[in-house]
Amino acid sequence: MIRSELIQIIADENPHLIQRDVEKIVGTVFEEIIEAMARGDRVELRGFGAFSVKKRDARQGRNPRTGESVKVDEKHVPFFKTGKLLRDRLNDG
């Protein structure tokens, strides 16, 4: 599912909302998740999962083409852990 499909489903299920308002709501939700993660906060959506940021330490890597050693800087990466309801739904059908 892509963002526009999500917006369309929400708009179809809520005919009292204007599609432009639904777009704004979905955009705001995503933006707030991004902002919270940028601050290093954890975002938990009960039943769905939790978004967090993990730190990857600097390390020595290898260029796969040349085999040459390269320095890989420290970085922060997004991490998603599924909630119990989502895991159960995926595994129990």
C-alpha atoms as a PDB file:
ATOM      1  CA  MET A   1       0.000   0.000   0.000  1.00  0.00           C
ATOM      2  CA  ILE A   2       1.247   3.458  -0.824  1.00  0.00           C
ATOM      3  CA  ARG A   3       0.415   6.776   0.834  1.00  0.00           C
ATOM      4  CA  SER A   4      -2.210   7.788  -1.747  1.00  0.00           C
ATOM      5  CA  GLU A   5      -4.006   4.441  -1.338  1.00  0.00           C
ATOM      6  CA  LEU A   6      -4.093   4.917   2.439  1.00  0.00           C
ATOM      7  CA  ILE A   7      -5.520   8.415   2.008  1.00  0.00           C
ATOM      8  CA  GLN A   8      -8.176   7.108  -0.406  1.00  0.00           C
ATOM      9  CA  ILE A   9      -9.235   4.294   1.967  1.00  0.00           C
ATOM     10  CA  ILE A  10      -9.569   6.701   4.901  1.00  0.00           C
ATOM     11  CA  ALA A  11     -11.499   9.193   2.747  1.00  0.00           C
ATOM     12  CA  ASP A  12     -13.838   6.443   1.475  1.00  0.00           C
ATOM     13  CA  GLU A  13     -14.517   5.176   5.011  1.00  0.00           C
ATOM     14  CA  ASN A  14     -15.143   8.715   6.310  1.00  0.00           C
ATOM     15  CA  PRO A  15     -17.363  10.507   3.758  1.00  0.00           C
ATOM     16  CA  HIS A  16     -17.833  13.429   6.179  1.00  0.00           C
ATOM     17  CA  LEU A  17     -14.130  14.334   5.682  1.00  0.00           C
ATOM     18  CA  ILE A  18     -12.847  16.185   2.639  1.00  0.00           C
ATOM     19  CA  GLN A  19     -10.014  14.351   0.859  1.00  0.00           C
ATOM     20  CA  ARG A  20      -7.756  17.402   1.276  1.00  0.00           C
ATOM     21  CA  ASP A  21      -8.283  17.181   5.063  1.00  0.00           C
ATOM     22  CA  VAL A  22      -7.491  13.455   5.058  1.00  0.00           C
ATOM     23  CA  GLU A  23      -4.247  14.193   3.155  1.00  0.00           C
ATOM     24  CA  LYS A  24      -3.353  16.800   5.768  1.00  0.00           C
ATOM     25  CA  ILE A  25      -4.107  14.392   8.658  1.00  0.00           C
ATOM     26  CA  VAL A  26      -2.038  11.547   7.178  1.00  0.00           C
ATOM     27  CA  GLY A  27       0.808  13.958   6.378  1.00  0.00           C
ATOM     28  CA  THR A  28       0.748  15.336   9.924  1.00  0.00           C
ATOM     29  CA  VAL A  29       0.856  11.845  11.461  1.00  0.00           C
ATOM     30  CA  PHE A  30       3.848  10.850   9.332  1.00  0.00           C
ATOM     31  CA  GLU A  31       5.620  14.153   9.973  1.00  0.00           C
ATOM     32  CA  GLU A  32       5.167  13.820  13.740  1.00  0.00           C
ATOM     33  CA  ILE A  33       6.589  10.286  13.676  1.00  0.00           C
ATOM     34  CA  ILE A  34       9.591  11.548  11.703  1.00  0.00           C
ATOM     35  CA  GLU A  35      10.118  14.519  14.036  1.00  0.00           C
ATOM     36  CA  ALA A  36       9.918  12.336  17.152  1.00  0.00           C
ATOM     37  CA  MET A  37      12.452   9.892  15.729  1.00  0.00           C
ATOM     38  CA  ALA A  38      14.748  12.757  14.690  1.00  0.00           C
ATOM     39  CA  ARG A  39      14.751  13.831  18.364  1.00  0.00           C
ATOM     40  CA  GLY A  40      15.644  10.256  19.328  1.00  0.00           C
ATOM     41  CA  ASP A  41      12.198   9.529  20.797  1.00  0.00           C
ATOM     42  CA  ARG A  42      10.393   6.214  20.478  1.00  0.00           C
ATOM     43  CA  VAL A  43       6.957   6.187  18.799  1.00  0.00           C
ATOM     44  CA  GLU A  44       4.604   3.420  19.884  1.00  0.00           C
ATOM     45  CA  LEU A  45       1.330   2.628  18.129  1.00  0.00           C
ATOM     46  CA  ARG A  46      -0.290   0.000  20.356  1.00  0.00           C
ATOM     47  CA  GLY A  47      -1.210  -3.158  18.516  1.00  0.00           C
ATOM     48  CA  PHE A  48       0.773  -2.078  15.451  1.00  0.00           C
ATOM     49  CA  GLY A  49       4.350  -1.589  16.598  1.00  0.00           C
ATOM     50  CA  ALA A  50       7.035   0.780  17.774  1.00  0.00           C
ATOM     51  CA  PHE A  51       9.411   2.966  15.792  1.00  0.00           C
ATOM     52  CA  SER A  52      12.771   3.789  17.335  1.00  0.00           C
ATOM     53  CA  VAL A  53      16.268   4.851  16.344  1.00  0.00           C
ATOM     54  CA  LYS A  54      19.292   2.606  16.767  1.00  0.00           C
ATOM     55  CA  LYS A  55      22.882   3.780  16.729  1.00  0.00           C
ATOM     56  CA  ARG A  56      25.359   1.889  14.585  1.00  0.00           C
ATOM     57  CA  ASP A  57      28.950   2.374  15.702  1.00  0.00           C
ATOM     58  CA  ALA A  58      31.732   3.321  13.322  1.00  0.00           C
ATOM     59  CA  ARG A  59      33.488   0.297  11.850  1.00  0.00           C
ATOM     60  CA  GLN A  60      35.823  -0.931   9.172  1.00  0.00           C
ATOM     61  CA  GLY A  61      34.012  -2.209   6.107  1.00  0.00           C
ATOM     62  CA  ARG A  62      35.100  -3.599   2.756  1.00  0.00           C
ATOM     63  CA  ASN A  63      34.411  -2.354  -0.732  1.00  0.00           C
ATOM     64  CA  PRO A  64      32.827  -5.443  -2.344  1.00  0.00           C
ATOM     65  CA  ARG A  65      34.282  -4.652  -5.782  1.00  0.00           C
ATOM     66  CA  THR A  66      37.881  -4.028  -4.805  1.00  0.00           C
ATOM     67  CA  GLY A  67      38.137  -5.698  -1.411  1.00  0.00           C
ATOM     68  CA  GLU A  68      39.690  -2.447  -0.150  1.00  0.00           C
ATOM     69  CA  SER A  69      39.132  -1.564   3.518  1.00  0.00           C
ATOM     70  CA  VAL A  70      36.936   1.507   4.023  1.00  0.00           C
ATOM     71  CA  LYS A  71      35.925   3.444   7.122  1.00  0.00           C
ATOM     72  CA  VAL A  72      32.173   3.423   7.774  1.00  0.00           C
ATOM     73  CA  ASP A  73      31.084   6.316   9.983  1.00  0.00           C
ATOM     74  CA  GLU A  74      28.755   6.040  12.959  1.00  0.00           C
ATOM     75  CA  LYS A  75      25.137   6.459  11.957  1.00  0.00           C
ATOM     76  CA  HIS A  76      21.604   6.314  13.269  1.00  0.00           C
ATOM     77  CA  VAL A  77      19.079   4.057  11.546  1.00  0.00           C
ATOM     78  CA  PRO A  78      15.297   3.681  11.927  1.00  0.00           C
ATOM     79  CA  PHE A  79      14.066   0.479  13.538  1.00  0.00           C
ATOM     80  CA  PHE A  80      10.545  -0.959  13.659  1.00  0.00           C
ATOM     81  CA  LYS A  81       9.395  -3.647  16.074  1.00  0.00           C
ATOM     82  CA  THR A  82       5.966  -5.167  15.400  1.00  0.00           C
ATOM     83  CA  GLY A  83       3.301  -5.174  18.082  1.00  0.00           C
ATOM     84  CA  LYS A  84       1.679  -8.346  19.373  1.00  0.00           C
ATOM     85  CA  LEU A  85      -1.641  -7.743  17.572  1.00  0.00           C
ATOM     86  CA  LEU A  86       0.120  -7.305  14.217  1.00  0.00           C
ATOM     87  CA  ARG A  87       2.329 -10.388  14.755  1.00  0.00           C
ATOM     88  CA  ASP A  88      -0.684 -12.475  15.759  1.00  0.00           C
ATOM     89  CA  ARG A  89      -2.714 -11.326  12.751  1.00  0.00           C
ATOM     90  CA  LEU A  90       0.146 -12.154  10.378  1.00  0.00           C
ATOM     91  CA  ASN A  91       0.717 -15.593  11.855  1.00  0.00           C
ATOM     92  CA  ASP A  92      -2.851 -16.692  12.603  1.00  0.00           C
ATOM     93  CA  GLY A  93      -4.454 -15.381   9.451  1.00  0.00           C
END
